[in-house]
Structure formats: structure tokens, C-alpha cells
């Protein structure tokens, strides 16, 4: 097993960022985006209480189902699509190798 995975993140201007995320540090996607200084707020600190880390899953990866908390938050968020997820609710695991996400527009 590798201790890191390659992930592609498309920012709000359409630029693709190729990042490497550690699988052995119990991080989530929001934390990794913040570590790479990508424009993700994570206002609630990863508690699924805001949607400032909303992203769209662009690749064909099978992720864990949304939790009730994540579903509830997304039901109140703007710009939600069928492939919307909260980055704070996606743990970095080996299964994410090759994941492609797009950051959702900022909510105003």
C-alpha cells in the first residue's frame, strides 16, 4: 500500500492542480486543499456544518455514501449538483488514487 495518492483539483478559474495527499495522516480532502493553499474555506473546521468545502466529484470513483449530516448540509447549500460532496467528509484513503474534483463556486 502506498502512503500517498495523486488527486487532481480543478479550481474556480478552471486551473488543474495535481497534488499528492498522504493516506497515513487521517486527513480529509478539505484539509489537503487547505494545506495546498487552494481556495477552500472549511469554516466549520470539518464538522459538516457549512458548505464552504463543497466540491464536485468529476472522476468515476466510488466514495462512501453521504452521511445524514452531509445530506442535511447539502440540502441547504447553493450550487448543489448530483455529484456534490463536502470535502471535509471525504477521508484520504488509497481508494482516492486518481480522483478528480472541481471546487464549487463560492456562495454569496
PDB file of N, CA and C in Angstrom:
ATOM      1  N   UNK A   1       0.824  -1.184   0.000  1.00  0.00           N
ATOM      2  CA  UNK A   1       0.000   0.000   0.000  1.00  0.00           C
ATOM      3  C   UNK A   1       0.869   1.249   0.000  1.00  0.00           C
ATOM      4  N   UNK A   2       0.471   2.197  -0.811  1.00  0.00           N
ATOM      5  CA  UNK A   2       1.169   3.476  -0.855  1.00  0.00           C
ATOM      6  C   UNK A   2       0.741   4.334   0.324  1.00  0.00           C
ATOM      7  N   UNK A   3       1.583   5.282   0.694  1.00  0.00           N
ATOM      8  CA  UNK A   3       1.211   6.194   1.773  1.00  0.00           C
ATOM      9  C   UNK A   3       0.762   7.540   1.231  1.00  0.00           C
ATOM     10  N   UNK A   4       0.576   7.635  -0.090  1.00  0.00           N
ATOM     11  CA  UNK A   4       0.052   8.853  -0.679  1.00  0.00           C
ATOM     12  C   UNK A   4      -0.677   8.539  -1.980  1.00  0.00           C
ATOM     13  N   UNK A   5      -1.595   9.445  -2.326  1.00  0.00           N
ATOM     14  CA  UNK A   5      -2.371   9.289  -3.555  1.00  0.00           C
ATOM     15  C   UNK A   5      -2.293  10.578  -4.360  1.00  0.00           C
ATOM     16  N   UNK A   6      -2.416  10.438  -5.673  1.00  0.00           N
ATOM     17  CA  UNK A   6      -2.442  11.591  -6.568  1.00  0.00           C
ATOM     18  C   UNK A   6      -3.892  11.990  -6.802  1.00  0.00           C
ATOM     19  N   UNK A   7      -4.166  13.287  -6.636  1.00  0.00           N
ATOM     20  CA  UNK A   7      -5.512  13.833  -6.815  1.00  0.00           C
ATOM     21  C   UNK A   7      -5.406  15.069  -7.694  1.00  0.00           C
ATOM     22  N   UNK A   8      -6.360  15.241  -8.596  1.00  0.00           N
ATOM     23  CA  UNK A   8      -6.426  16.442  -9.437  1.00  0.00           C
ATOM     24  C   UNK A   8      -7.569  17.309  -8.937  1.00  0.00           C
ATOM     25  N   UNK A   9      -7.263  18.583  -8.712  1.00  0.00           N
ATOM     26  CA  UNK A   9      -8.265  19.518  -8.227  1.00  0.00           C
ATOM     27  C   UNK A   9      -8.380  20.664  -9.231  1.00  0.00           C
ATOM     28  N   UNK A  10      -9.585  20.874  -9.719  1.00  0.00           N
ATOM     29  CA  UNK A  10      -9.848  21.964 -10.660  1.00  0.00           C
ATOM     30  C   UNK A  10     -10.394  23.130  -9.846  1.00  0.00           C
ATOM     31  N   UNK A  11      -9.671  24.244  -9.860  1.00  0.00           N
ATOM     32  CA  UNK A  11     -10.096  25.385  -9.052  1.00  0.00           C
ATOM     33  C   UNK A  11     -11.211  26.162  -9.750  1.00  0.00           C
ATOM     34  N   UNK A  12     -11.646  27.244  -9.141  1.00  0.00           N
ATOM     35  CA  UNK A  12     -12.788  28.001  -9.650  1.00  0.00           C
ATOM     36  C   UNK A  12     -12.488  28.758 -10.945  1.00  0.00           C
ATOM     37  N   UNK A  13     -11.214  28.883 -11.295  1.00  0.00           N
ATOM     38  CA  UNK A  13     -10.833  29.517 -12.561  1.00  0.00           C
ATOM     39  C   UNK A  13     -10.577  28.485 -13.648  1.00  0.00           C
ATOM     40  N   UNK A  14     -10.732  27.192 -13.328  1.00  0.00           N
ATOM     41  CA  UNK A  14     -10.531  26.122 -14.292  1.00  0.00           C
ATOM     42  C   UNK A  14      -9.117  25.578 -14.338  1.00  0.00           C
ATOM     43  N   UNK A  15      -8.232  26.086 -13.485  1.00  0.00           N
ATOM     44  CA  UNK A  15      -6.855  25.586 -13.447  1.00  0.00           C
ATOM     45  C   UNK A  15      -6.808  24.248 -12.715  1.00  0.00           C
ATOM     46  N   UNK A  16      -6.053  23.310 -13.267  1.00  0.00           N
ATOM     47  CA  UNK A  16      -5.920  21.981 -12.668  1.00  0.00           C
ATOM     48  C   UNK A  16      -4.669  21.943 -11.803  1.00  0.00           C
ATOM     49  N   UNK A  17      -4.860  21.509 -10.567  1.00  0.00           N
ATOM     50  CA  UNK A  17      -3.749  21.361  -9.620  1.00  0.00           C
ATOM     51  C   UNK A  17      -3.549  19.872  -9.361  1.00  0.00           C
ATOM     52  N   UNK A  18      -2.365  19.370  -9.671  1.00  0.00           N
ATOM     53  CA  UNK A  18      -2.018  17.976  -9.396  1.00  0.00           C
ATOM     54  C   UNK A  18      -1.384  17.952  -8.013  1.00  0.00           C
ATOM     55  N   UNK A  19      -2.032  17.294  -7.079  1.00  0.00           N
ATOM     56  CA  UNK A  19      -1.499  17.260  -5.723  1.00  0.00           C
ATOM     57  C   UNK A  19      -1.254  15.826  -5.287  1.00  0.00           C
ATOM     58  N   UNK A  20      -0.476  15.696  -4.247  1.00  0.00           N
ATOM     59  CA  UNK A  20      -0.220  14.399  -3.627  1.00  0.00           C
ATOM     60  C   UNK A  20      -0.704  14.507  -2.184  1.00  0.00           C
ATOM     61  N   UNK A  21      -1.535  13.569  -1.790  1.00  0.00           N
ATOM     62  CA  UNK A  21      -2.138  13.606  -0.454  1.00  0.00           C
ATOM     63  C   UNK A  21      -1.717  12.384   0.347  1.00  0.00           C
ATOM     64  N   UNK A  22      -1.347  12.572   1.611  1.00  0.00           N
ATOM     65  CA  UNK A  22      -0.940  11.439   2.449  1.00  0.00           C
ATOM     66  C   UNK A  22      -2.138  10.620   2.905  1.00  0.00           C
ATOM     67  N   UNK A  23      -1.994   9.314   2.869  1.00  0.00           N
ATOM     68  CA  UNK A  23      -3.070   8.428   3.332  1.00  0.00           C
ATOM     69  C   UNK A  23      -2.851   7.978   4.771  1.00  0.00           C
ATOM     70  N   UNK A  24      -1.730   8.343   5.347  1.00  0.00           N
ATOM     71  CA  UNK A  24      -1.395   7.856   6.690  1.00  0.00           C
ATOM     72  C   UNK A  24      -1.470   8.945   7.765  1.00  0.00           C
ATOM     73  N   UNK A  25      -2.188  10.051   7.475  1.00  0.00           N
ATOM     74  CA  UNK A  25      -2.250  11.149   8.442  1.00  0.00           C
ATOM     75  C   UNK A  25      -3.675  11.477   8.873  1.00  0.00           C
ATOM     76  N   UNK A  26      -4.639  10.632   8.540  1.00  0.00           N
ATOM     77  CA  UNK A  26      -6.047  10.814   8.919  1.00  0.00           C
ATOM     78  C   UNK A  26      -6.580  12.181   8.485  1.00  0.00           C
ATOM     79  N   UNK A  27      -6.192  12.607   7.284  1.00  0.00           N
ATOM     80  CA  UNK A  27      -6.662  13.888   6.754  1.00  0.00           C
ATOM     81  C   UNK A  27      -7.890  13.667   5.877  1.00  0.00           C
ATOM     82  N   UNK A  28      -8.615  14.759   5.638  1.00  0.00           N
ATOM     83  CA  UNK A  28      -9.718  14.703   4.694  1.00  0.00           C
ATOM     84  C   UNK A  28      -9.398  15.630   3.524  1.00  0.00           C
ATOM     85  N   UNK A  29     -10.231  15.595   2.510  1.00  0.00           N
ATOM     86  CA  UNK A  29      -9.971  16.349   1.295  1.00  0.00           C
ATOM     87  C   UNK A  29      -9.921  17.854   1.547  1.00  0.00           C
ATOM     88  N   UNK A  30     -10.783  18.365   2.418  1.00  0.00           N
ATOM     89  CA  UNK A  30     -10.758  19.785   2.739  1.00  0.00           C
ATOM     90  C   UNK A  30      -9.417  20.186   3.343  1.00  0.00           C
ATOM     91  N   UNK A  31      -8.911  19.390   4.263  1.00  0.00           N
ATOM     92  CA  UNK A  31      -7.631  19.702   4.912  1.00  0.00           C
ATOM     93  C   UNK A  31      -6.489  19.688   3.903  1.00  0.00           C
ATOM     94  N   UNK A  32      -6.517  18.764   2.976  1.00  0.00           N
ATOM     95  CA  UNK A  32      -5.474  18.691   1.957  1.00  0.00           C
ATOM     96  C   UNK A  32      -5.541  19.927   1.061  1.00  0.00           C
ATOM     97  N   UNK A  33      -6.749  20.320   0.664  1.00  0.00           N
ATOM     98  CA  UNK A  33      -6.890  21.532  -0.159  1.00  0.00           C
ATOM     99  C   UNK A  33      -6.329  22.745   0.568  1.00  0.00           C
ATOM    100  N   UNK A  34      -6.627  22.860   1.845  1.00  0.00           N
ATOM    101  CA  UNK A  34      -6.121  23.991   2.625  1.00  0.00           C
ATOM    102  C   UNK A  34      -4.600  23.928   2.740  1.00  0.00           C
ATOM    103  N   UNK A  35      -4.056  22.727   2.892  1.00  0.00           N
ATOM    104  CA  UNK A  35      -2.598  22.572   3.005  1.00  0.00           C
ATOM    105  C   UNK A  35      -1.904  23.033   1.721  1.00  0.00           C
ATOM    106  N   UNK A  36      -2.566  22.846   0.590  1.00  0.00           N
ATOM    107  CA  UNK A  36      -2.017  23.294  -0.693  1.00  0.00           C
ATOM    108  C   UNK A  36      -2.439  24.727  -1.025  1.00  0.00           C
ATOM    109  N   UNK A  37      -3.053  25.396  -0.072  1.00  0.00           N
ATOM    110  CA  UNK A  37      -3.491  26.789  -0.194  1.00  0.00           C
ATOM    111  C   UNK A  37      -4.451  27.003  -1.361  1.00  0.00           C
ATOM    112  N   UNK A  38      -5.305  26.008  -1.587  1.00  0.00           N
ATOM    113  CA  UNK A  38      -6.371  26.155  -2.567  1.00  0.00           C
ATOM    114  C   UNK A  38      -7.538  26.868  -1.887  1.00  0.00           C
ATOM    115  N   UNK A  39      -8.377  27.577  -2.653  1.00  0.00           N
ATOM    116  CA  UNK A  39      -9.420  28.419  -2.051  1.00  0.00           C
ATOM    117  C   UNK A  39     -10.600  27.637  -1.480  1.00  0.00           C
ATOM    118  N   UNK A  40     -10.350  26.948  -0.391  1.00  0.00           N
ATOM    119  CA  UNK A  40     -11.386  26.208   0.325  1.00  0.00           C
ATOM    120  C   UNK A  40     -11.406  26.758   1.744  1.00  0.00           C
ATOM    121  N   UNK A  41     -12.569  27.207   2.177  1.00  0.00           N
ATOM    122  CA  UNK A  41     -12.671  27.835   3.496  1.00  0.00           C
ATOM    123  C   UNK A  41     -12.615  26.819   4.642  1.00  0.00           C
ATOM    124  N   UNK A  42     -13.524  25.866   4.631  1.00  0.00           N
ATOM    125  CA  UNK A  42     -13.597  24.941   5.766  1.00  0.00           C
ATOM    126  C   UNK A  42     -13.962  25.681   7.038  1.00  0.00           C
ATOM    127  N   UNK A  43     -14.924  26.587   6.930  1.00  0.00           N
ATOM    128  CA  UNK A  43     -15.297  27.479   8.021  1.00  0.00           C
ATOM    129  C   UNK A  43     -15.648  26.735   9.307  1.00  0.00           C
ATOM    130  N   UNK A  44     -16.306  25.602   9.205  1.00  0.00           N
ATOM    131  CA  UNK A  44     -16.747  24.877  10.401  1.00  0.00           C
ATOM    132  C   UNK A  44     -15.681  23.927  10.936  1.00  0.00           C
ATOM    133  N   UNK A  45     -14.533  23.867  10.275  1.00  0.00           N
ATOM    134  CA  UNK A  45     -13.463  23.000  10.758  1.00  0.00           C
ATOM    135  C   UNK A  45     -13.655  21.528  10.459  1.00  0.00           C
ATOM    136  N   UNK A  46     -14.521  21.222   9.522  1.00  0.00           N
ATOM    137  CA  UNK A  46     -14.693  19.822   9.119  1.00  0.00           C
ATOM    138  C   UNK A  46     -15.827  19.096   9.804  1.00  0.00           C
ATOM    139  N   UNK A  47     -16.782  19.830  10.337  1.00  0.00           N
ATOM    140  CA  UNK A  47     -17.887  19.221  11.082  1.00  0.00           C
ATOM    141  C   UNK A  47     -19.159  19.046  10.245  1.00  0.00           C
ATOM    142  N   UNK A  48     -19.099  19.294   8.933  1.00  0.00           N
ATOM    143  CA  UNK A  48     -20.267  19.215   8.040  1.00  0.00           C
ATOM    144  C   UNK A  48     -21.356  20.195   8.471  1.00  0.00           C
ATOM    145  N   UNK A  49     -20.935  21.366   8.968  1.00  0.00           N
ATOM    146  CA  UNK A  49     -21.886  22.386   9.406  1.00  0.00           C
ATOM    147  C   UNK A  49     -21.933  23.592   8.478  1.00  0.00           C
ATOM    148  N   UNK A  50     -21.154  23.569   7.420  1.00  0.00           N
ATOM    149  CA  UNK A  50     -21.181  24.630   6.420  1.00  0.00           C
ATOM    150  C   UNK A  50     -20.929  23.943   5.078  1.00  0.00           C
ATOM    151  N   UNK A  51     -20.993  24.674   4.027  1.00  0.00           N
ATOM    152  CA  UNK A  51     -20.734  24.062   2.715  1.00  0.00           C
ATOM    153  C   UNK A  51     -19.565  24.747   2.022  1.00  0.00           C
ATOM    154  N   UNK A  52     -18.686  25.362   2.794  1.00  0.00           N
ATOM    155  CA  UNK A  52     -17.588  26.115   2.195  1.00  0.00           C
ATOM    156  C   UNK A  52     -16.508  25.221   1.586  1.00  0.00           C
ATOM    157  N   UNK A  53     -16.616  23.911   1.764  1.00  0.00           N
ATOM    158  CA  UNK A  53     -15.666  22.983   1.139  1.00  0.00           C
ATOM    159  C   UNK A  53     -16.365  22.103   0.098  1.00  0.00           C
ATOM    160  N   UNK A  54     -17.550  22.562  -0.368  1.00  0.00           N
ATOM    161  CA  UNK A  54     -18.282  21.778  -1.364  1.00  0.00           C
ATOM    162  C   UNK A  54     -17.458  21.619  -2.642  1.00  0.00           C
ATOM    163  N   UNK A  55     -17.480  20.424  -3.171  1.00  0.00           N
ATOM    164  CA  UNK A  55     -16.791  20.145  -4.429  1.00  0.00           C
ATOM    165  C   UNK A  55     -17.638  19.175  -5.234  1.00  0.00           C
ATOM    166  N   UNK A  56     -17.266  19.040  -6.496  1.00  0.00           N
ATOM    167  CA  UNK A  56     -17.946  18.107  -7.394  1.00  0.00           C
ATOM    168  C   UNK A  56     -16.974  16.987  -7.751  1.00  0.00           C
ATOM    169  N   UNK A  57     -17.431  15.765  -7.626  1.00  0.00           N
ATOM    170  CA  UNK A  57     -16.613  14.605  -7.987  1.00  0.00           C
ATOM    171  C   UNK A  57     -16.709  14.435  -9.496  1.00  0.00           C
ATOM    172  N   UNK A  58     -15.580  14.629 -10.185  1.00  0.00           N
ATOM    173  CA  UNK A  58     -15.560  14.597 -11.645  1.00  0.00           C
ATOM    174  C   UNK A  58     -15.139  13.227 -12.194  1.00  0.00           C
ATOM    175  N   UNK A  59     -14.470  12.440 -11.380  1.00  0.00           N
ATOM    176  CA  UNK A  59     -13.997  11.126 -11.839  1.00  0.00           C
ATOM    177  C   UNK A  59     -14.973  10.044 -11.394  1.00  0.00           C
ATOM    178  N   UNK A  60     -14.758   8.848 -11.892  1.00  0.00           N
ATOM    179  CA  UNK A  60     -15.652   7.720 -11.615  1.00  0.00           C
ATOM    180  C   UNK A  60     -15.132   6.935 -10.409  1.00  0.00           C
ATOM    181  N   UNK A  61     -15.152   7.570  -9.247  1.00  0.00           N
ATOM    182  CA  UNK A  61     -14.714   6.914  -8.020  1.00  0.00           C
ATOM    183  C   UNK A  61     -15.927   6.576  -7.162  1.00  0.00           C
ATOM    184  N   UNK A  62     -15.894   5.413  -6.549  1.00  0.00           N
ATOM    185  CA  UNK A  62     -16.946   5.035  -5.614  1.00  0.00           C
ATOM    186  C   UNK A  62     -16.536   5.504  -4.229  1.00  0.00           C
ATOM    187  N   UNK A  63     -17.236   6.507  -3.738  1.00  0.00           N
ATOM    188  CA  UNK A  63     -16.950   7.030  -2.407  1.00  0.00           C
ATOM    189  C   UNK A  63     -17.991   6.499  -1.433  1.00  0.00           C
ATOM    190  N   UNK A  64     -17.686   6.596  -0.153  1.00  0.00           N
ATOM    191  CA  UNK A  64     -18.677   6.226   0.854  1.00  0.00           C
ATOM    192  C   UNK A  64     -19.912   7.082   0.652  1.00  0.00           C
ATOM    193  N   UNK A  65     -21.059   6.537   1.008  1.00  0.00           N
ATOM    194  CA  UNK A  65     -22.304   7.285   0.899  1.00  0.00           C
ATOM    195  C   UNK A  65     -22.244   8.533   1.773  1.00  0.00           C
ATOM    196  N   UNK A  66     -22.996   9.548   1.394  1.00  0.00           N
ATOM    197  CA  UNK A  66     -23.103  10.755   2.210  1.00  0.00           C
ATOM    198  C   UNK A  66     -23.743  10.406   3.554  1.00  0.00           C
ATOM    199  N   UNK A  67     -23.223  10.988   4.606  1.00  0.00           N
ATOM    200  CA  UNK A  67     -23.827  10.802   5.923  1.00  0.00           C
ATOM    201  C   UNK A  67     -25.091  11.652   6.016  1.00  0.00           C
ATOM    202  N   UNK A  68     -25.879  11.444   7.041  1.00  0.00           N
ATOM    203  CA  UNK A  68     -27.080  12.258   7.243  1.00  0.00           C
ATOM    204  C   UNK A  68     -26.709  13.725   7.415  1.00  0.00           C
ATOM    205  N   UNK A  69     -25.617  13.993   8.135  1.00  0.00           N
ATOM    206  CA  UNK A  69     -25.174  15.370   8.348  1.00  0.00           C
ATOM    207  C   UNK A  69     -24.768  16.025   7.028  1.00  0.00           C
ATOM    208  N   UNK A  70     -24.060  15.281   6.197  1.00  0.00           N
ATOM    209  CA  UNK A  70     -23.640  15.820   4.905  1.00  0.00           C
ATOM    210  C   UNK A  70     -24.852  16.080   4.016  1.00  0.00           C
ATOM    211  N   UNK A  71     -25.780  15.148   3.977  1.00  0.00           N
ATOM    212  CA  UNK A  71     -27.013  15.329   3.197  1.00  0.00           C
ATOM    213  C   UNK A  71     -27.766  16.570   3.662  1.00  0.00           C
ATOM    214  N   UNK A  72     -27.881  16.738   4.974  1.00  0.00           N
ATOM    215  CA  UNK A  72     -28.607  17.886   5.528  1.00  0.00           C
ATOM    216  C   UNK A  72     -27.935  19.195   5.128  1.00  0.00           C
ATOM    217  N   UNK A  73     -26.614  19.247   5.197  1.00  0.00           N
ATOM    218  CA  UNK A  73     -25.905  20.479   4.846  1.00  0.00           C
ATOM    219  C   UNK A  73     -26.047  20.775   3.359  1.00  0.00           C
ATOM    220  N   UNK A  74     -25.891  19.764   2.527  1.00  0.00           N
ATOM    221  CA  UNK A  74     -26.015  19.975   1.084  1.00  0.00           C
ATOM    222  C   UNK A  74     -27.436  20.368   0.692  1.00  0.00           C
ATOM    223  N   UNK A  75     -28.437  19.945   1.466  1.00  0.00           N
ATOM    224  CA  UNK A  75     -29.819  20.317   1.144  1.00  0.00           C
ATOM    225  C   UNK A  75     -30.050  21.813   1.345  1.00  0.00           C
ATOM    226  N   UNK A  76     -29.184  22.465   2.109  1.00  0.00           N
ATOM    227  CA  UNK A  76     -29.303  23.896   2.366  1.00  0.00           C
ATOM    228  C   UNK A  76     -28.301  24.731   1.562  1.00  0.00           C
ATOM    229  N   UNK A  77     -27.361  24.083   0.898  1.00  0.00           N
ATOM    230  CA  UNK A  77     -26.291  24.790   0.193  1.00  0.00           C
ATOM    231  C   UNK A  77     -26.744  25.253  -1.187  1.00  0.00           C
ATOM    232  N   UNK A  78     -25.980  26.189  -1.741  1.00  0.00           N
ATOM    233  CA  UNK A  78     -26.209  26.667  -3.100  1.00  0.00           C
ATOM    234  C   UNK A  78     -25.336  25.880  -4.072  1.00  0.00           C
ATOM    235  N   UNK A  79     -25.682  25.913  -5.342  1.00  0.00           N
ATOM    236  CA  UNK A  79     -24.882  25.295  -6.416  1.00  0.00           C
ATOM    237  C   UNK A  79     -24.698  23.789  -6.246  1.00  0.00           C
ATOM    238  N   UNK A  80     -25.626  23.115  -5.606  1.00  0.00           N
ATOM    239  CA  UNK A  80     -25.517  21.668  -5.382  1.00  0.00           C
ATOM    240  C   UNK A  80     -25.868  20.920  -6.661  1.00  0.00           C
ATOM    241  N   UNK A  81     -25.063  19.919  -6.968  1.00  0.00           N
ATOM    242  CA  UNK A  81     -25.298  19.048  -8.115  1.00  0.00           C
ATOM    243  C   UNK A  81     -25.347  17.602  -7.616  1.00  0.00           C
ATOM    244  N   UNK A  82     -25.703  16.681  -8.488  1.00  0.00           N
ATOM    245  CA  UNK A  82     -25.780  15.267  -8.105  1.00  0.00           C
ATOM    246  C   UNK A  82     -24.446  14.739  -7.591  1.00  0.00           C
ATOM    247  N   UNK A  83     -23.332  15.297  -8.105  1.00  0.00           N
ATOM    248  CA  UNK A  83     -22.002  14.815  -7.713  1.00  0.00           C
ATOM    249  C   UNK A  83     -21.361  15.686  -6.627  1.00  0.00           C
ATOM    250  N   UNK A  84     -22.176  16.509  -5.961  1.00  0.00           N
ATOM    251  CA  UNK A  84     -21.654  17.365  -4.882  1.00  0.00           C
ATOM    252  C   UNK A  84     -21.300  16.543  -3.656  1.00  0.00           C
ATOM    253  N   UNK A  85     -20.196  16.927  -3.041  1.00  0.00           N
ATOM    254  CA  UNK A  85     -19.778  16.358  -1.757  1.00  0.00           C
ATOM    255  C   UNK A  85     -19.139  17.469  -0.939  1.00  0.00           C
ATOM    256  N   UNK A  86     -19.059  17.255   0.361  1.00  0.00           N
ATOM    257  CA  UNK A  86     -18.311  18.141   1.232  1.00  0.00           C
ATOM    258  C   UNK A  86     -16.921  17.543   1.387  1.00  0.00           C
ATOM    259  N   UNK A  87     -15.906  18.316   1.047  1.00  0.00           N
ATOM    260  CA  UNK A  87     -14.534  17.812   1.122  1.00  0.00           C
ATOM    261  C   UNK A  87     -14.154  17.332   2.505  1.00  0.00           C
ATOM    262  N   UNK A  88     -14.735  17.939   3.530  1.00  0.00           N
ATOM    263  CA  UNK A  88     -14.404  17.540   4.908  1.00  0.00           C
ATOM    264  C   UNK A  88     -14.928  16.152   5.251  1.00  0.00           C
ATOM    265  N   UNK A  89     -15.818  15.628   4.435  1.00  0.00           N
ATOM    266  CA  UNK A  89     -16.407  14.316   4.698  1.00  0.00           C
ATOM    267  C   UNK A  89     -15.803  13.217   3.822  1.00  0.00           C
ATOM    268  N   UNK A  90     -14.703  13.548   3.134  1.00  0.00           N
ATOM    269  CA  UNK A  90     -14.034  12.561   2.279  1.00  0.00           C
ATOM    270  C   UNK A  90     -12.646  12.292   2.847  1.00  0.00           C
ATOM    271  N   UNK A  91     -12.497  11.185   3.583  1.00  0.00           N
ATOM    272  CA  UNK A  91     -11.172  10.861   4.131  1.00  0.00           C
ATOM    273  C   UNK A  91     -10.203  10.456   3.018  1.00  0.00           C
ATOM    274  N   UNK A  92      -8.944  10.820   3.192  1.00  0.00           N
ATOM    275  CA  UNK A  92      -7.918  10.471   2.213  1.00  0.00           C
ATOM    276  C   UNK A  92      -7.518   9.013   2.436  1.00  0.00           C
ATOM    277  N   UNK A  93      -7.864   8.179   1.465  1.00  0.00           N
ATOM    278  CA  UNK A  93      -7.548   6.753   1.514  1.00  0.00           C
ATOM    279  C   UNK A  93      -6.933   6.329   0.187  1.00  0.00           C
ATOM    280  N   UNK A  94      -6.392   5.126   0.159  1.00  0.00           N
ATOM    281  CA  UNK A  94      -5.804   4.589  -1.072  1.00  0.00           C
ATOM    282  C   UNK A  94      -6.806   4.566  -2.227  1.00  0.00           C
ATOM    283  N   UNK A  95      -8.100   4.435  -1.917  1.00  0.00           N
ATOM    284  CA  UNK A  95      -9.141   4.369  -2.944  1.00  0.00           C
ATOM    285  C   UNK A  95      -9.278   5.653  -3.745  1.00  0.00           C
ATOM    286  N   UNK A  96      -8.690   6.754  -3.262  1.00  0.00           N
ATOM    287  CA  UNK A  96      -8.822   8.039  -3.948  1.00  0.00           C
ATOM    288  C   UNK A  96      -7.766   8.254  -5.031  1.00  0.00           C
ATOM    289  N   UNK A  97      -6.878   7.302  -5.238  1.00  0.00           N
ATOM    290  CA  UNK A  97      -5.848   7.455  -6.279  1.00  0.00           C
ATOM    291  C   UNK A  97      -6.504   7.835  -7.603  1.00  0.00           C
ATOM    292  N   UNK A  98      -6.062   8.962  -8.179  1.00  0.00           N
ATOM    293  CA  UNK A  98      -6.581   9.413  -9.459  1.00  0.00           C
ATOM    294  C   UNK A  98      -7.865  10.220  -9.382  1.00  0.00           C
ATOM    295  N   UNK A  99      -8.348  10.497  -8.180  1.00  0.00           N
ATOM    296  CA  UNK A  99      -9.578  11.273  -8.006  1.00  0.00           C
ATOM    297  C   UNK A  99      -9.455  12.629  -8.694  1.00  0.00           C
ATOM    298  N   UNK A 100     -10.538  13.060  -9.326  1.00  0.00           N
ATOM    299  CA  UNK A 100     -10.606  14.396  -9.922  1.00  0.00           C
ATOM    300  C   UNK A 100     -11.813  15.101  -9.322  1.00  0.00           C
ATOM    301  N   UNK A 101     -11.577  16.280  -8.742  1.00  0.00           N
ATOM    302  CA  UNK A 101     -12.676  17.073  -8.196  1.00  0.00           C
ATOM    303  C   UNK A 101     -12.620  18.479  -8.774  1.00  0.00           C
ATOM    304  N   UNK A 102     -13.758  19.145  -8.722  1.00  0.00           N
ATOM    305  CA  UNK A 102     -13.854  20.554  -9.108  1.00  0.00           C
ATOM    306  C   UNK A 102     -14.415  21.299  -7.905  1.00  0.00           C
ATOM    307  N   UNK A 103     -13.783  22.408  -7.532  1.00  0.00           N
ATOM    308  CA  UNK A 103     -14.287  23.209  -6.424  1.00  0.00           C
ATOM    309  C   UNK A 103     -15.581  23.897  -6.839  1.00  0.00           C
ATOM    310  N   UNK A 104     -16.572  23.849  -5.961  1.00  0.00           N
ATOM    311  CA  UNK A 104     -17.852  24.504  -6.232  1.00  0.00           C
ATOM    312  C   UNK A 104     -17.654  26.023  -6.156  1.00  0.00           C
ATOM    313  N   UNK A 105     -18.508  26.773  -6.852  1.00  0.00           N
ATOM    314  CA  UNK A 105     -18.422  28.231  -6.762  1.00  0.00           C
ATOM    315  C   UNK A 105     -18.614  28.692  -5.319  1.00  0.00           C
ATOM    316  N   UNK A 106     -18.013  29.818  -4.999  1.00  0.00           N
ATOM    317  CA  UNK A 106     -18.228  30.382  -3.671  1.00  0.00           C
ATOM    318  C   UNK A 106     -19.664  30.822  -3.555  1.00  0.00           C
ATOM    319  N   UNK A 107     -20.233  30.641  -2.371  1.00  0.00           N
ATOM    320  CA  UNK A 107     -21.623  31.047  -2.150  1.00  0.00           C
ATOM    321  C   UNK A 107     -21.659  32.505  -1.733  1.00  0.00           C
ATOM    322  N   UNK A 108     -22.584  33.247  -2.263  1.00  0.00           N
ATOM    323  CA  UNK A 108     -22.744  34.659  -1.910  1.00  0.00           C
ATOM    324  C   UNK A 108     -24.129  34.912  -1.386  1.00  0.00           C
TER     325      UNK A 108
END
